[in-house]
Amino acid sequence: MRATIALTKVETLLLLRNPTSIFMALLPALLLMLQAYVIPGTTNPVGGTDRALADLRPIDFFVPVAVAVAMASIAITNYPSSVGSYRETGILRRLGVTPVGAHRVLLAQWAVSAFSLGAAILLTLSVAWFAIGTSTPRNPAAATAIVLVGAIAMMALGSIIAAVAPSAQAAYGLGLLVFMVTMFTAGIWTPGPLMPETIRTISAFTPMGAMTQALTDAWFTGTVSLLPFIVMTVWALLASALAIRVFRWT
């Protein structure tokens, strides 16, 4: 236990000294501010005949998206690149023959990632609520449950990259490709309620799409169906099983 705590402290210091990791954690809040203050029309009411949406602004719909992106930026880029760097330098291999054990590095990485996820989400919500004036979720309990299940699913997805990436650079490159795809399914360019129906249906069966659509429902209607939780759970189980199967220590 002491070794795991010590490794976690070291990993936290390394994270705080890595400008790229810090930038990826700040990215969702920066994107939210960009949408609000640079892109025209995002702070104007949507209007239309749907009374439930008429008074909302496009920027309001970006808040659940930004929360989901905060999770993806940590789980798919920062976490795999750290594990990839240890594989590249041989640290995983060397720790594997010591009493410390290489598995403790992975536990420390998950702990640091959890801390990073919480900080990134808190910063994103602070910007949304205090700088942009968006509303809080109608169903906070459901939103919290979605974030927890979604975070596990995204970390499991990132674990596949972490399992095979031979270096930090390779992990970042592959992670960014996956990150860009998840940003699309999350609705960073077109939030869920404003998506074409076909794209929205397809996105609902991806981990990020299911998470953002469920968060949007919890945020604005207060009701969430069981399907997004099933989708995220299935992705988490399948990705975890695959990551364990293909994981390389060297």
Protein backbone atom coordinates (compact mmCIF):
# COMPACT_ATOMS: atom_id res chain seq x y z
CA MET A 1 0.00 0.00 0.00
CA ARG A 2 2.82 2.39 0.89
CA ALA A 3 4.50 1.70 -2.44
CA THR A 4 1.30 2.46 -4.34
CA ILE A 5 0.81 5.72 -2.44
CA ALA A 6 4.42 6.73 -3.08
CA LEU A 7 4.09 5.96 -6.78
CA THR A 8 0.84 7.94 -6.92
CA LYS A 9 2.58 10.98 -5.43
CA VAL A 10 5.37 10.68 -7.99
CA GLU A 11 2.88 10.29 -10.85
CA THR A 12 1.00 13.38 -9.66
CA LEU A 13 4.18 15.46 -9.68
CA LEU A 14 5.09 14.19 -13.15
CA LEU A 15 1.60 15.12 -14.39
CA LEU A 16 1.87 18.65 -13.01
CA ARG A 17 5.23 19.07 -14.77
CA ASN A 18 3.90 17.93 -18.16
CA PRO A 19 2.57 20.91 -20.18
CA THR A 20 0.83 18.67 -22.72
CA SER A 21 -1.09 16.78 -20.04
CA ILE A 22 -2.09 20.05 -18.38
CA PHE A 23 -3.28 21.44 -21.72
CA MET A 24 -5.42 18.36 -22.43
CA ALA A 25 -7.03 18.71 -19.00
CA LEU A 26 -7.76 22.40 -19.68
CA LEU A 27 -8.96 21.79 -23.25
CA PRO A 28 -12.68 21.22 -22.49
CA ALA A 29 -12.98 24.46 -20.54
CA LEU A 30 -11.10 26.31 -23.29
CA LEU A 31 -13.39 24.86 -25.95
CA LEU A 32 -16.43 25.93 -23.95
CA MET A 33 -15.16 29.49 -23.68
CA LEU A 34 -14.31 29.47 -27.39
CA GLN A 35 -17.86 28.41 -28.23
CA ALA A 36 -19.33 31.07 -25.98
CA TYR A 37 -17.16 34.11 -26.75
CA VAL A 38 -15.77 33.58 -30.24
CA ILE A 39 -18.33 31.69 -32.31
CA PRO A 40 -21.31 33.96 -33.18
CA GLY A 41 -24.82 32.99 -32.17
CA THR A 42 -24.02 30.42 -29.50
CA THR A 43 -25.42 32.62 -26.71
CA ASN A 44 -28.69 33.39 -28.51
CA PRO A 45 -31.84 31.36 -27.72
CA VAL A 46 -32.49 28.46 -30.08
CA GLY A 47 -36.15 29.41 -30.59
CA GLY A 48 -38.50 27.27 -32.63
CA THR A 49 -41.73 25.49 -31.82
CA ASP A 50 -40.35 23.15 -29.17
CA ARG A 51 -41.07 25.01 -25.95
CA ALA A 52 -38.66 22.79 -24.00
CA LEU A 53 -35.75 23.97 -26.17
CA ALA A 54 -36.84 27.42 -27.34
CA ASP A 55 -35.35 29.37 -24.43
CA LEU A 56 -32.09 27.43 -24.35
CA ARG A 57 -28.94 28.58 -26.12
CA PRO A 58 -26.59 26.45 -28.23
CA ILE A 59 -23.90 27.01 -25.61
CA ASP A 60 -26.14 25.36 -22.99
CA PHE A 61 -26.09 22.13 -24.99
CA PHE A 62 -22.28 22.23 -25.12
CA VAL A 63 -21.92 21.88 -21.35
CA PRO A 64 -22.69 18.12 -21.15
CA VAL A 65 -20.51 17.68 -24.24
CA ALA A 66 -17.62 19.54 -22.57
CA VAL A 67 -17.93 17.36 -19.47
CA ALA A 68 -17.69 14.23 -21.63
CA VAL A 69 -14.73 15.67 -23.55
CA ALA A 70 -12.99 16.35 -20.23
CA MET A 71 -13.13 12.62 -19.50
CA ALA A 72 -11.96 11.63 -22.97
CA SER A 73 -9.02 14.05 -22.95
CA ILE A 74 -7.63 12.42 -19.81
CA ALA A 75 -8.54 8.79 -20.49
CA ILE A 76 -7.56 8.61 -24.15
CA THR A 77 -4.50 10.87 -24.34
CA ASN A 78 -2.85 11.52 -20.96
CA TYR A 79 -3.24 8.08 -19.40
CA PRO A 80 -2.06 5.96 -22.40
CA SER A 81 0.89 8.25 -23.10
CA SER A 82 2.17 7.87 -19.54
CA VAL A 83 2.02 4.08 -19.72
CA GLY A 84 3.58 4.18 -23.21
CA SER A 85 6.51 6.22 -21.93
CA TYR A 86 7.18 3.66 -19.20
CA ARG A 87 7.10 0.84 -21.74
CA GLU A 88 9.45 2.81 -24.03
CA THR A 89 12.02 3.39 -21.27
CA GLY A 90 11.76 -0.14 -19.91
CA ILE A 91 10.39 0.92 -16.53
CA LEU A 92 7.50 -1.54 -16.70
CA ARG A 93 9.89 -4.39 -17.41
CA ARG A 94 12.31 -3.43 -14.63
CA LEU A 95 9.58 -2.90 -12.04
CA GLY A 96 8.12 -6.26 -12.93
CA VAL A 97 11.12 -8.04 -11.36
CA THR A 98 11.12 -5.96 -8.15
CA PRO A 99 8.97 -6.31 -5.01
CA VAL A 100 7.16 -3.12 -6.01
CA GLY A 101 5.63 -4.78 -9.07
CA ALA A 102 4.73 -3.14 -12.35
CA HIS A 103 1.02 -3.43 -11.58
CA ARG A 104 1.38 -0.71 -8.94
CA VAL A 105 2.35 1.76 -11.68
CA LEU A 106 -0.96 1.04 -13.39
CA LEU A 107 -2.85 1.50 -10.11
CA ALA A 108 -1.06 4.81 -9.59
CA GLN A 109 -1.94 5.86 -13.15
CA TRP A 110 -5.61 5.14 -12.54
CA ALA A 111 -5.52 7.10 -9.28
CA VAL A 112 -3.86 10.11 -10.94
CA SER A 113 -6.27 9.86 -13.87
CA ALA A 114 -9.21 9.91 -11.44
CA PHE A 115 -7.80 13.05 -9.83
CA SER A 116 -7.25 14.64 -13.25
CA LEU A 117 -10.77 13.73 -14.38
CA GLY A 118 -12.30 15.30 -11.30
CA ALA A 119 -10.23 18.48 -11.67
CA ALA A 120 -10.98 18.81 -15.40
CA ILE A 121 -14.73 18.33 -14.86
CA LEU A 122 -14.78 20.77 -11.93
CA LEU A 123 -12.97 23.42 -13.98
CA THR A 124 -15.29 22.89 -16.95
CA LEU A 125 -18.40 23.23 -14.81
CA SER A 126 -17.00 26.30 -13.03
CA VAL A 127 -16.48 28.01 -16.39
CA ALA A 128 -19.96 26.95 -17.53
CA TRP A 129 -21.78 28.11 -14.43
CA PHE A 130 -19.86 31.19 -13.35
CA ALA A 131 -18.40 32.59 -16.59
CA ILE A 132 -21.13 31.65 -19.07
CA GLY A 133 -24.19 31.39 -16.85
CA THR A 134 -25.48 27.99 -17.90
CA SER A 135 -27.93 26.00 -15.78
CA THR A 136 -27.19 23.16 -13.38
CA PRO A 137 -28.55 19.67 -14.22
CA ARG A 138 -32.17 18.99 -13.38
CA ASN A 139 -31.21 15.54 -12.15
CA PRO A 140 -27.80 15.79 -10.41
CA ALA A 141 -27.91 12.19 -9.18
CA ALA A 142 -28.41 10.80 -12.68
CA ALA A 143 -25.73 13.12 -14.08
CA THR A 144 -23.26 11.93 -11.42
CA ALA A 145 -24.03 8.27 -12.17
CA ILE A 146 -23.53 8.88 -15.90
CA VAL A 147 -20.18 10.56 -15.27
CA LEU A 148 -18.97 7.66 -13.11
CA VAL A 149 -20.00 4.94 -15.57
CA GLY A 150 -18.78 7.01 -18.51
CA ALA A 151 -15.40 7.60 -16.89
CA ILE A 152 -14.92 3.85 -16.40
CA ALA A 153 -15.88 3.20 -20.03
CA MET A 154 -13.46 5.84 -21.34
CA MET A 155 -10.62 4.63 -19.10
CA ALA A 156 -11.23 1.10 -20.37
CA LEU A 157 -11.08 2.39 -23.94
CA GLY A 158 -7.86 4.27 -23.16
CA SER A 159 -6.47 1.08 -21.62
CA ILE A 160 -6.46 -0.56 -25.05
CA ILE A 161 -4.11 2.15 -26.32
CA ALA A 162 -2.07 1.96 -23.12
CA ALA A 163 -1.82 -1.81 -23.52
CA VAL A 164 -0.04 -1.77 -26.87
CA ALA A 165 1.52 1.68 -27.47
CA PRO A 166 5.32 1.21 -27.70
CA SER A 167 6.08 4.81 -26.73
CA ALA A 168 4.56 8.01 -25.40
CA GLN A 169 4.60 9.56 -28.88
CA ALA A 170 2.78 6.58 -30.39
CA ALA A 171 0.22 6.66 -27.58
CA TYR A 172 -0.41 10.39 -28.10
CA GLY A 173 -0.75 9.94 -31.86
CA LEU A 174 -3.19 7.05 -31.62
CA GLY A 175 -4.97 8.68 -28.70
CA LEU A 176 -5.54 11.91 -30.61
CA LEU A 177 -7.03 10.00 -33.54
CA VAL A 178 -9.47 8.23 -31.23
CA PHE A 179 -10.08 11.50 -29.38
CA MET A 180 -11.13 13.28 -32.57
CA VAL A 181 -13.60 10.50 -33.40
CA THR A 182 -15.06 10.60 -29.90
CA MET A 183 -15.41 14.38 -30.10
CA PHE A 184 -17.57 13.95 -33.21
CA THR A 185 -19.80 11.32 -31.60
CA ALA A 186 -19.99 13.46 -28.47
CA GLY A 187 -21.39 16.32 -30.54
CA ILE A 188 -18.65 18.90 -30.08
CA TRP A 189 -19.55 20.42 -33.45
CA THR A 190 -23.28 19.61 -33.33
CA PRO A 191 -24.69 18.88 -29.86
CA GLY A 192 -27.01 15.87 -29.53
CA PRO A 193 -30.39 17.63 -29.67
CA LEU A 194 -29.27 19.53 -32.77
CA MET A 195 -27.77 16.48 -34.55
CA PRO A 196 -29.42 14.88 -37.60
CA GLU A 197 -31.50 11.94 -36.36
CA THR A 198 -29.45 9.29 -38.17
CA ILE A 199 -26.14 10.53 -36.75
CA ARG A 200 -27.68 10.84 -33.30
CA THR A 201 -28.90 7.22 -33.43
CA ILE A 202 -25.51 5.88 -34.50
CA SER A 203 -23.69 7.99 -31.89
CA ALA A 204 -25.97 6.62 -29.16
CA PHE A 205 -24.23 3.25 -29.49
CA THR A 206 -20.73 4.68 -28.95
CA PRO A 207 -19.42 5.29 -25.41
CA MET A 208 -19.06 9.06 -25.85
CA GLY A 209 -22.32 9.42 -27.73
CA ALA A 210 -24.23 7.44 -25.13
CA MET A 211 -22.62 9.46 -22.33
CA THR A 212 -23.30 12.91 -23.81
CA GLN A 213 -26.85 12.09 -24.84
CA ALA A 214 -27.60 10.70 -21.38
CA LEU A 215 -25.98 13.74 -19.75
CA THR A 216 -28.02 16.04 -21.98
CA ASP A 217 -31.23 14.28 -20.89
CA ALA A 218 -30.24 14.46 -17.21
CA TRP A 219 -29.34 18.12 -17.64
CA PHE A 220 -32.41 19.41 -19.42
CA THR A 221 -35.25 16.90 -18.90
CA GLY A 222 -34.23 15.17 -15.69
CA THR A 223 -35.01 11.71 -17.06
CA VAL A 224 -32.54 9.15 -18.41
CA SER A 225 -33.25 5.79 -20.05
CA LEU A 226 -31.40 2.59 -19.21
CA LEU A 227 -29.94 2.18 -22.73
CA PRO A 228 -26.97 4.60 -22.32
CA PHE A 229 -25.87 2.78 -19.16
CA ILE A 230 -26.07 -0.56 -20.98
CA VAL A 231 -24.05 0.81 -23.91
CA MET A 232 -21.33 2.28 -21.67
CA THR A 233 -21.16 -0.87 -19.52
CA VAL A 234 -20.81 -3.15 -22.55
CA TRP A 235 -18.05 -0.93 -23.97
CA ALA A 236 -16.27 -0.91 -20.60
CA LEU A 237 -16.39 -4.70 -20.27
CA LEU A 238 -15.32 -5.42 -23.84
CA ALA A 239 -12.54 -2.81 -23.83
CA SER A 240 -11.23 -4.02 -20.46
CA ALA A 241 -11.18 -7.63 -21.61
CA LEU A 242 -9.34 -6.69 -24.81
CA ALA A 243 -6.83 -4.48 -22.95
CA ILE A 244 -6.01 -7.30 -20.52
CA ARG A 245 -5.61 -9.76 -23.36
CA VAL A 246 -3.23 -7.64 -25.47
CA PHE A 247 -1.32 -5.83 -22.70
CA ARG A 248 2.44 -5.80 -23.21
CA TRP A 249 4.91 -5.19 -20.40
CA THR A 250 7.77 -4.60 -22.86
